[in-house]
N, C-alpha and C. Protein backbone atom coordinates (compact mmCIF):
# COMPACT_ATOMS: atom_id res chain seq x y z
N MET A 1 -14.48 13.40 -62.42
CA MET A 1 -15.12 14.71 -62.37
C MET A 1 -14.57 15.82 -63.22
N PRO A 2 -14.90 16.44 -64.14
CA PRO A 2 -13.92 17.60 -65.08
C PRO A 2 -14.44 18.64 -64.66
N CYS A 3 -13.38 19.65 -64.29
CA CYS A 3 -13.42 20.96 -63.37
C CYS A 3 -12.86 21.97 -63.92
N GLN A 4 -13.83 23.08 -64.16
CA GLN A 4 -12.13 24.23 -64.06
C GLN A 4 -12.22 24.33 -63.26
N ILE A 5 -10.39 24.78 -62.78
CA ILE A 5 -9.77 25.24 -62.03
C ILE A 5 -8.55 26.17 -62.36
N GLU A 6 -8.87 27.12 -61.02
CA GLU A 6 -8.20 28.51 -61.01
C GLU A 6 -6.93 27.97 -59.72
N ILE A 7 -5.89 28.27 -60.21
CA ILE A 7 -4.69 28.50 -59.14
C ILE A 7 -4.39 29.77 -58.69
N SER A 8 -4.26 29.93 -57.67
CA SER A 8 -3.46 31.12 -56.79
C SER A 8 -2.48 30.64 -56.11
N LEU A 9 -1.44 32.09 -55.85
CA LEU A 9 -0.92 32.08 -55.26
C LEU A 9 -1.10 33.02 -53.24
N GLN A 10 -1.17 31.95 -52.45
CA GLN A 10 -1.43 32.98 -51.49
C GLN A 10 -0.75 32.94 -49.84
N GLN A 11 -0.81 34.05 -49.30
CA GLN A 11 0.58 34.17 -48.26
C GLN A 11 0.09 33.19 -46.73
N GLN A 12 -1.41 33.21 -46.80
CA GLN A 12 -2.19 32.45 -45.67
C GLN A 12 -3.28 31.89 -46.33
N LEU A 13 -3.64 30.49 -45.62
CA LEU A 13 -4.93 30.63 -45.81
C LEU A 13 -6.27 30.74 -44.90
N SER A 14 -7.51 31.26 -45.07
CA SER A 14 -8.68 31.81 -44.29
C SER A 14 -8.77 29.96 -43.66
N SER A 15 -9.27 30.20 -42.33
CA SER A 15 -10.11 29.51 -42.09
C SER A 15 -11.33 28.36 -42.73
N GLU A 16 -11.98 29.18 -43.41
CA GLU A 16 -12.73 28.42 -43.93
C GLU A 16 -11.85 27.41 -45.41
N GLN A 17 -11.02 27.67 -45.55
CA GLN A 17 -10.16 27.59 -47.02
C GLN A 17 -9.78 26.21 -46.48
N ARG A 18 -8.71 26.27 -44.70
CA ARG A 18 -8.43 25.55 -44.21
C ARG A 18 -9.37 24.37 -43.82
N GLU A 19 -11.02 24.64 -43.23
CA GLU A 19 -11.17 23.59 -43.19
C GLU A 19 -11.87 22.63 -44.28
N GLN A 20 -12.21 23.69 -45.51
CA GLN A 20 -12.32 23.05 -46.92
C GLN A 20 -11.39 21.84 -47.51
N LEU A 21 -10.28 22.03 -46.83
CA LEU A 21 -8.92 21.14 -47.60
C LEU A 21 -8.92 20.14 -46.89
N PHE A 22 -8.58 21.10 -45.09
CA PHE A 22 -7.88 19.72 -44.32
C PHE A 22 -8.60 19.17 -42.67
N HIS A 23 -9.84 19.11 -43.07
CA HIS A 23 -11.07 18.85 -41.97
C HIS A 23 -10.87 17.06 -42.10
N TRP A 24 -10.70 16.25 -42.92
CA TRP A 24 -10.49 15.19 -43.00
C TRP A 24 -9.09 14.76 -43.88
N GLN A 25 -7.89 15.45 -43.29
CA GLN A 25 -6.85 15.14 -43.43
C GLN A 25 -5.60 13.87 -42.77
N GLU A 26 -6.73 13.48 -41.75
CA GLU A 26 -6.43 11.96 -40.74
C GLU A 26 -6.44 10.77 -42.29
N ARG A 27 -7.50 10.98 -43.03
CA ARG A 27 -7.82 9.91 -43.81
C ARG A 27 -6.45 10.07 -45.08
N VAL A 28 -6.14 11.55 -45.41
CA VAL A 28 -5.21 12.19 -46.37
C VAL A 28 -3.90 11.85 -46.47
N PHE A 29 -3.36 12.42 -45.27
CA PHE A 29 -1.55 12.41 -45.23
C PHE A 29 -0.95 11.41 -44.61
N PRO A 30 -0.10 10.63 -45.28
CA PRO A 30 0.97 9.76 -44.54
C PRO A 30 0.40 9.03 -43.30
N ILE A 31 0.04 8.19 -43.05
CA ILE A 31 0.54 7.75 -41.92
C ILE A 31 1.72 7.50 -40.75
N GLU A 32 3.16 7.13 -42.50
CA GLU A 32 4.26 7.14 -42.20
C GLU A 32 4.92 8.75 -41.46
N GLY A 33 4.51 9.16 -41.64
CA GLY A 33 4.93 10.70 -41.03
C GLY A 33 4.06 11.45 -39.84
N LYS A 34 3.00 10.56 -39.10
CA LYS A 34 2.13 11.29 -38.03
C LYS A 34 3.57 11.64 -36.78
N ALA A 35 4.23 10.52 -36.79
CA ALA A 35 4.92 10.68 -35.45
C ALA A 35 6.36 12.36 -35.59
N PHE A 36 6.46 12.51 -36.86
CA PHE A 36 7.06 13.49 -37.11
C PHE A 36 6.87 15.13 -36.60
N GLU A 37 7.44 16.29 -36.25
CA GLU A 37 7.45 17.16 -35.86
C GLU A 37 7.09 18.07 -37.17
N TRP A 38 6.68 18.62 -37.64
CA TRP A 38 6.30 19.05 -39.21
C TRP A 38 6.96 21.06 -38.78
N ALA A 39 7.50 21.38 -40.10
CA ALA A 39 7.37 22.83 -40.62
C ALA A 39 6.20 23.53 -41.17
N GLU A 40 5.44 24.28 -40.58
CA GLU A 40 4.47 24.86 -41.64
C GLU A 40 5.16 25.63 -42.77
N SER A 41 3.94 25.51 -43.50
CA SER A 41 4.00 26.36 -44.87
C SER A 41 4.06 27.33 -44.52
N SER A 42 5.16 28.55 -45.46
CA SER A 42 4.87 30.12 -45.41
C SER A 42 4.43 30.62 -46.34
N GLN A 43 3.88 29.84 -47.69
CA GLN A 43 3.38 30.50 -48.71
C GLN A 43 2.35 29.13 -48.98
N HIS A 44 0.86 29.46 -49.84
CA HIS A 44 0.18 28.51 -50.07
C HIS A 44 -0.27 28.47 -52.18
N LEU A 45 -0.01 27.41 -52.67
CA LEU A 45 -0.57 27.29 -53.91
C LEU A 45 -2.47 26.65 -53.65
N LEU A 46 -3.31 27.40 -53.88
CA LEU A 46 -4.57 27.37 -53.30
C LEU A 46 -4.92 26.51 -55.46
N ALA A 47 -5.79 25.73 -55.62
CA ALA A 47 -6.68 25.16 -56.28
C ALA A 47 -7.92 25.52 -56.46
N LYS A 48 -9.18 26.38 -57.08
CA LYS A 48 -10.45 25.94 -56.59
C LYS A 48 -10.97 26.20 -57.39
N SER A 49 -12.34 25.31 -57.32
CA SER A 49 -12.93 25.04 -58.68
C SER A 49 -14.59 25.86 -57.74
N HIS A 50 -15.23 26.55 -58.81
CA HIS A 50 -16.90 27.17 -58.63
C HIS A 50 -16.39 28.15 -57.14
N GLY A 51 -15.08 28.85 -56.99
CA GLY A 51 -14.85 29.09 -55.70
C GLY A 51 -14.88 28.35 -54.32
N LYS A 52 -14.52 27.10 -54.54
CA LYS A 52 -14.22 26.72 -53.67
C LYS A 52 -13.07 25.76 -53.27
N ALA A 53 -12.29 25.67 -52.33
CA ALA A 53 -10.82 25.67 -52.40
C ALA A 53 -10.65 23.89 -52.18
N ILE A 54 -10.16 23.29 -53.74
CA ILE A 54 -10.59 21.84 -54.17
C ILE A 54 -8.95 20.93 -53.69
N GLY A 55 -8.25 21.90 -53.66
CA GLY A 55 -6.51 21.65 -53.67
C GLY A 55 -5.66 22.37 -53.05
N HIS A 56 -4.25 22.01 -52.76
CA HIS A 56 -3.00 22.89 -52.06
C HIS A 56 -2.15 22.19 -52.24
N LEU A 57 -0.65 22.90 -52.10
CA LEU A 57 0.40 22.88 -52.30
C LEU A 57 0.96 24.06 -51.49
N GLY A 58 1.61 23.41 -49.95
CA GLY A 58 2.60 24.30 -49.34
C GLY A 58 3.34 24.44 -49.72
N PHE A 59 4.51 25.61 -49.62
CA PHE A 59 6.04 25.52 -49.60
C PHE A 59 6.47 26.87 -48.85
N GLY A 60 7.44 26.62 -48.50
CA GLY A 60 8.39 27.99 -48.19
C GLY A 60 9.75 27.69 -48.19
N HIS A 61 10.69 28.57 -47.92
CA HIS A 61 12.07 28.32 -48.09
C HIS A 61 13.10 28.37 -46.39
N PHE A 62 13.55 26.85 -46.90
CA PHE A 62 13.81 26.09 -45.79
C PHE A 62 16.14 25.95 -46.18
N LYS A 63 16.55 25.46 -44.76
CA LYS A 63 17.92 25.92 -45.11
C LYS A 63 18.54 24.38 -44.83
N ILE A 64 19.17 23.69 -45.62
CA ILE A 64 20.19 22.33 -45.66
C ILE A 64 21.65 22.77 -45.61
N GLU A 65 22.22 21.37 -44.88
CA GLU A 65 23.58 21.64 -45.07
C GLU A 65 24.36 20.37 -45.70
N SER A 66 24.95 20.66 -46.30
CA SER A 66 25.74 19.60 -47.25
C SER A 66 27.14 19.60 -46.71
N ALA A 67 27.46 18.08 -45.45
CA ALA A 67 28.14 17.89 -44.33
C ALA A 67 29.49 17.79 -45.62
N GLU A 68 29.84 17.10 -46.46
CA GLU A 68 30.90 16.82 -46.99
C GLU A 68 31.29 18.75 -47.55
N LYS A 69 30.24 18.98 -48.21
CA LYS A 69 30.76 20.26 -49.11
C LYS A 69 31.01 21.37 -47.93
N THR A 70 30.34 20.71 -46.99
CA THR A 70 30.12 22.15 -45.90
C THR A 70 29.68 23.35 -46.00
N ARG A 71 28.61 23.60 -46.91
CA ARG A 71 27.83 24.67 -47.16
C ARG A 71 26.69 24.42 -46.71
N VAL A 72 25.56 25.62 -46.53
CA VAL A 72 24.06 25.48 -46.54
C VAL A 72 23.99 25.99 -48.08
N ILE A 73 22.76 25.77 -47.54
CA ILE A 73 21.86 25.51 -49.49
C ILE A 73 20.65 26.36 -49.02
N GLU A 74 20.13 26.99 -49.66
CA GLU A 74 18.73 27.21 -49.59
C GLU A 74 17.82 26.78 -50.39
N VAL A 75 16.95 25.94 -50.27
CA VAL A 75 15.47 25.00 -50.84
C VAL A 75 14.37 25.54 -50.63
N ILE A 76 13.47 25.42 -51.32
CA ILE A 76 12.12 25.73 -51.37
C ILE A 76 11.33 24.14 -50.90
N GLY A 77 11.05 24.26 -49.93
CA GLY A 77 10.26 22.93 -49.31
C GLY A 77 8.68 22.82 -49.59
N VAL A 78 8.22 22.05 -50.48
CA VAL A 78 6.75 21.65 -50.64
C VAL A 78 6.24 20.35 -50.12
N GLY A 79 5.13 21.02 -49.16
CA GLY A 79 4.76 20.21 -48.47
C GLY A 79 3.00 20.04 -48.19
N GLY A 80 2.08 19.55 -47.51
CA GLY A 80 1.03 19.82 -47.56
C GLY A 80 0.57 19.28 -48.98
N VAL A 81 0.70 18.66 -50.25
CA VAL A 81 0.13 18.53 -50.76
C VAL A 81 -1.64 17.50 -50.82
N VAL A 82 -2.66 18.29 -51.30
CA VAL A 82 -3.76 17.84 -50.81
C VAL A 82 -4.95 18.14 -51.42
N VAL A 83 -5.43 17.40 -52.02
CA VAL A 83 -6.62 17.16 -53.03
C VAL A 83 -8.51 16.72 -52.34
N ARG A 84 -8.81 17.25 -52.14
CA ARG A 84 -10.18 17.17 -51.29
C ARG A 84 -10.69 15.38 -52.30
N PRO A 85 -11.01 14.58 -51.51
CA PRO A 85 -11.53 12.94 -52.30
C PRO A 85 -12.22 13.54 -53.36
N GLU A 86 -13.47 13.95 -53.62
CA GLU A 86 -14.21 14.32 -54.86
C GLU A 86 -13.80 14.66 -55.98
N TYR A 87 -12.22 15.46 -55.80
CA TYR A 87 -11.88 16.08 -56.43
C TYR A 87 -10.70 15.04 -57.43
N GLN A 88 -10.36 14.18 -56.68
CA GLN A 88 -8.97 13.34 -57.10
C GLN A 88 -8.89 12.69 -58.49
N GLY A 89 -8.26 12.30 -58.86
CA GLY A 89 -8.47 11.91 -60.31
C GLY A 89 -8.27 13.33 -61.77
N ASN A 90 -8.37 14.07 -61.30
CA ASN A 90 -8.11 15.04 -62.13
C ASN A 90 -6.89 16.04 -62.32
N LYS A 91 -5.80 15.14 -61.60
CA LYS A 91 -4.04 16.11 -62.10
C LYS A 91 -3.87 16.99 -61.29
N ILE A 92 -5.22 17.66 -60.21
CA ILE A 92 -4.59 18.31 -59.86
C ILE A 92 -3.14 19.09 -58.91
N PRO A 93 -3.04 17.79 -58.18
CA PRO A 93 -1.28 18.14 -58.04
C PRO A 93 -0.44 17.93 -59.12
N ALA A 94 -0.38 17.69 -60.14
CA ALA A 94 0.08 18.29 -61.32
C ALA A 94 0.41 19.33 -62.06
N LEU A 95 -0.89 19.97 -61.60
CA LEU A 95 -0.76 21.17 -62.47
C LEU A 95 -0.27 22.39 -61.02
N LEU A 96 -0.50 22.07 -59.48
CA LEU A 96 -0.08 22.52 -58.99
C LEU A 96 1.43 22.61 -58.79
N PHE A 97 1.58 21.81 -59.24
CA PHE A 97 3.69 21.35 -59.37
C PHE A 97 4.09 22.53 -60.85
N GLU A 98 3.18 21.96 -61.81
CA GLU A 98 3.43 22.94 -62.81
C GLU A 98 3.91 24.32 -62.52
N TYR A 99 2.84 24.90 -61.37
CA TYR A 99 2.50 26.16 -61.34
C TYR A 99 3.46 27.14 -60.32
N LEU A 100 4.06 25.58 -59.62
CA LEU A 100 5.28 26.40 -58.81
C LEU A 100 6.82 26.40 -58.92
N HIS A 101 6.60 25.39 -60.05
CA HIS A 101 8.07 25.28 -61.19
C HIS A 101 8.32 26.66 -61.80
N GLN A 102 7.09 26.94 -61.71
CA GLN A 102 6.99 28.06 -63.26
C GLN A 102 6.84 29.41 -62.41
N ILE A 103 6.95 29.47 -61.12
CA ILE A 103 7.12 31.06 -60.04
C ILE A 103 7.56 31.83 -60.79
N ASP A 104 8.15 32.53 -61.21
CA ASP A 104 8.90 33.97 -61.74
C ASP A 104 10.07 34.13 -60.29
N GLY A 105 10.83 33.68 -60.77
CA GLY A 105 12.32 33.66 -59.95
C GLY A 105 12.51 32.29 -59.38
N PHE A 106 11.73 31.28 -59.86
CA PHE A 106 11.98 29.86 -58.96
C PHE A 106 12.86 28.92 -60.10
N SER A 107 12.97 29.78 -61.10
CA SER A 107 13.55 29.15 -62.71
C SER A 107 14.88 28.06 -62.02
N ASN A 108 15.41 28.25 -61.34
CA ASN A 108 17.00 27.90 -60.56
C ASN A 108 16.96 27.33 -59.38
N SER A 109 15.83 27.35 -58.49
CA SER A 109 15.61 27.24 -57.60
C SER A 109 15.49 25.43 -57.40
N ILE A 110 16.22 24.61 -56.22
CA ILE A 110 16.25 23.31 -55.77
C ILE A 110 14.57 23.42 -55.17
N PHE A 111 14.04 22.60 -55.31
CA PHE A 111 12.80 21.92 -54.93
C PHE A 111 12.64 20.89 -54.31
N THR A 112 12.70 21.07 -52.50
CA THR A 112 12.51 19.43 -52.02
C THR A 112 11.30 18.93 -51.30
N LEU A 113 11.26 17.95 -51.18
CA LEU A 113 9.91 17.42 -50.00
C LEU A 113 9.83 15.99 -49.61
N PHE A 114 9.46 15.33 -48.84
CA PHE A 114 9.42 14.52 -48.37
C PHE A 114 8.25 13.93 -48.17
N CYS A 115 8.41 12.35 -48.77
CA CYS A 115 7.16 11.59 -48.79
C CYS A 115 7.41 10.25 -48.34
N PRO A 116 6.19 9.39 -48.17
CA PRO A 116 6.99 8.00 -47.93
C PRO A 116 7.33 7.37 -49.06
N GLU A 117 7.74 5.86 -49.31
CA GLU A 117 8.18 5.16 -50.47
C GLU A 117 7.19 5.02 -51.08
N ARG A 118 6.02 4.24 -50.74
CA ARG A 118 4.98 4.46 -51.48
C ARG A 118 4.49 5.89 -52.91
N LEU A 119 5.16 6.71 -52.80
CA LEU A 119 4.85 7.71 -53.35
C LEU A 119 5.91 8.27 -54.28
N VAL A 120 6.81 7.83 -54.13
CA VAL A 120 8.29 8.43 -54.58
C VAL A 120 7.90 7.90 -56.44
N SER A 121 7.35 6.94 -56.63
CA SER A 121 7.41 6.70 -58.42
C SER A 121 6.50 7.88 -58.89
N TYR A 122 5.14 8.80 -57.96
CA TYR A 122 4.52 9.40 -58.21
C TYR A 122 5.63 10.73 -58.51
N TYR A 123 6.51 11.17 -57.51
CA TYR A 123 6.79 12.73 -57.67
C TYR A 123 8.30 12.35 -58.46
N THR A 124 8.54 11.48 -58.74
CA THR A 124 9.42 11.10 -59.93
C THR A 124 8.94 11.50 -61.35
N LYS A 125 7.57 11.35 -60.94
CA LYS A 125 7.25 12.00 -62.51
C LYS A 125 7.01 13.42 -62.64
N GLN A 126 6.93 13.84 -61.50
CA GLN A 126 6.94 15.53 -61.25
C GLN A 126 8.48 16.05 -61.38
N GLY A 127 9.53 15.17 -61.85
CA GLY A 127 10.69 16.06 -61.80
C GLY A 127 11.70 15.50 -61.01
N TYR A 128 10.93 15.03 -59.72
CA TYR A 128 11.82 14.86 -58.52
C TYR A 128 12.66 13.63 -58.46
N THR A 129 13.96 13.50 -57.92
CA THR A 129 14.87 12.94 -57.53
C THR A 129 15.12 11.93 -56.44
N LEU A 130 15.21 11.16 -56.34
CA LEU A 130 15.58 10.19 -54.82
C LEU A 130 16.56 10.85 -54.44
N TYR A 131 16.75 11.27 -53.16
CA TYR A 131 18.18 11.81 -52.60
C TYR A 131 18.66 10.05 -51.93
N ARG A 132 19.64 9.67 -52.28
CA ARG A 132 20.30 8.39 -51.32
C ARG A 132 21.60 8.32 -50.54
N GLY A 133 21.54 9.59 -50.24
CA GLY A 133 22.64 9.88 -49.25
C GLY A 133 21.90 9.62 -47.85
N ARG A 134 22.84 9.91 -46.70
CA ARG A 134 22.32 10.07 -45.31
C ARG A 134 21.38 11.45 -45.02
N LEU A 135 20.78 11.22 -44.41
CA LEU A 135 19.73 12.54 -44.31
C LEU A 135 19.05 12.40 -42.30
N SER A 136 19.34 13.64 -42.32
CA SER A 136 19.47 13.69 -40.71
C SER A 136 18.44 15.23 -40.97
N VAL A 137 16.95 15.58 -40.01
CA VAL A 137 16.04 16.76 -39.95
C VAL A 137 16.06 17.01 -38.35
N LEU A 138 15.85 18.10 -38.33
CA LEU A 138 15.91 18.50 -37.19
C LEU A 138 14.48 17.94 -36.19
N GLN A 139 14.24 17.34 -34.97
CA GLN A 139 13.45 16.69 -34.45
C GLN A 139 13.32 16.92 -33.38
N ALA A 140 12.61 17.93 -32.03
CA ALA A 140 12.50 18.15 -30.71
C ALA A 140 14.04 19.04 -30.32
N ASP A 141 14.61 19.70 -30.93
CA ASP A 141 15.99 19.85 -30.84
C ASP A 141 17.10 18.85 -31.14
N VAL A 142 16.99 17.57 -31.85
CA VAL A 142 17.99 17.08 -31.94
C VAL A 142 17.96 16.73 -33.44
N TYR A 143 19.01 16.64 -34.15
CA TYR A 143 19.04 15.72 -35.25
C TYR A 143 19.15 14.35 -35.48
N LYS A 144 18.27 13.93 -36.37
CA LYS A 144 17.86 12.18 -36.62
C LYS A 144 17.43 11.84 -37.60
N ALA A 145 17.66 10.62 -38.20
CA ALA A 145 16.89 10.24 -39.60
C ALA A 145 15.43 9.98 -39.10
N ILE A 146 14.74 10.26 -40.41
CA ILE A 146 13.10 10.00 -39.74
C ILE A 146 12.10 8.63 -40.79
N PRO A 147 12.99 7.81 -41.11
CA PRO A 147 12.46 6.71 -41.65
C PRO A 147 11.07 6.07 -41.09
N PRO A 148 10.19 6.21 -42.33
CA PRO A 148 10.40 5.78 -43.29
C PRO A 148 10.11 6.52 -44.77
N MET A 149 10.58 8.19 -44.00
CA MET A 149 10.35 9.12 -45.04
C MET A 149 11.04 9.39 -46.12
N GLN A 150 10.83 9.54 -47.33
CA GLN A 150 12.26 9.88 -48.23
C GLN A 150 12.23 11.48 -48.69
N PHE A 151 13.45 11.77 -49.09
CA PHE A 151 13.67 12.60 -48.64
C PHE A 151 13.99 13.23 -50.83
N MET A 152 13.26 14.07 -51.18
CA MET A 152 13.55 14.43 -52.81
C MET A 152 13.66 15.16 -53.42
N TYR A 153 14.28 15.68 -54.32
CA TYR A 153 14.41 16.81 -54.84
C TYR A 153 14.16 17.22 -56.20
N ARG A 154 14.51 18.32 -56.77
CA ARG A 154 14.40 18.95 -57.98
C ARG A 154 14.73 19.94 -58.18
N GLY A 155 15.98 19.87 -59.67
CA GLY A 155 16.66 20.97 -60.11
C GLY A 155 18.78 20.71 -59.80
N LYS A 156 19.30 21.04 -60.14
CA LYS A 156 21.05 20.94 -60.67
C LYS A 156 21.58 20.83 -58.85
N ILE A 157 21.70 19.57 -58.14
CA ILE A 157 22.54 20.32 -57.54
C ILE A 157 22.95 18.77 -56.97
N ASP A 158 24.55 18.44 -56.34
CA ASP A 158 24.78 17.53 -56.01
C ASP A 158 25.33 17.88 -53.82
N PHE A 159 24.28 17.28 -53.25
CA PHE A 159 24.12 17.64 -51.75
C PHE A 159 25.64 16.81 -51.33
N GLY A 160 26.10 16.05 -52.11
CA GLY A 160 26.69 14.86 -51.46
C GLY A 160 26.65 13.81 -50.55
N GLU A 161 27.25 13.08 -50.09
CA GLU A 161 26.37 11.51 -49.10
C GLU A 161 25.71 11.55 -47.90
N GLN A 162 26.24 13.19 -47.25
CA GLN A 162 25.26 13.30 -46.51
C GLN A 162 24.64 14.84 -46.35
N VAL A 163 23.11 14.81 -45.64
CA VAL A 163 22.97 15.90 -45.58
C VAL A 163 21.89 16.45 -44.52
N LYS A 164 21.76 17.63 -44.22
CA LYS A 164 21.00 18.08 -42.91
C LYS A 164 20.18 19.16 -42.52
N VAL A 165 19.23 18.24 -42.49
CA VAL A 165 18.08 19.52 -42.69
C VAL A 165 18.31 20.53 -41.44
N LEU A 166 17.83 21.64 -41.21
CA LEU A 166 18.47 22.60 -40.93
C LEU A 166 17.19 23.21 -39.76
N SER A 167 15.59 22.37 -40.08
CA SER A 167 14.23 22.42 -39.14
C SER A 167 13.80 21.33 -38.77
N PRO A 168 12.73 21.29 -38.75
CA PRO A 168 11.99 20.05 -39.15
C PRO A 168 11.46 19.84 -40.30
N PRO A 169 11.44 19.14 -40.83
CA PRO A 169 10.97 18.28 -42.04
C PRO A 169 9.54 19.67 -42.84
N TRP A 170 9.34 19.78 -43.90
CA TRP A 170 8.07 20.16 -44.57
C TRP A 170 7.03 19.43 -45.15
């Protein structure tokens, strides 16, 4: 279904936009991540067609710690990438990622995301690299690994062999 798409940056979503995008999320978001606590996005890219919300990419600023490098790194965490079923196949996620990566002030940023193994090849096409070290994230006030979710990043960084996410994943 070819469509004209408008992308906008928003601080929050209206209840109508949430309904249009997420009322069917049980069918969309990966089953692999259902058991985990997730951080909320603080900003939203919204794709619209004819005034209707058809796609979403959430993001926010988060901190991770590189154990070997003993430093805290601020990253842009990407999550909640979703497209309404009737608009899938129109490269809407790619448009949302392209828009995100070109936002003023983000040119030297490190972008990160969590995804199931089956989506690694898709995010690789968006310029993300699979992190192959040890990862722990905050879950119910305890740091732990979250298999089967994979951690990916985009940007020039050497995280070292171990990373601790100082919040729930995004």
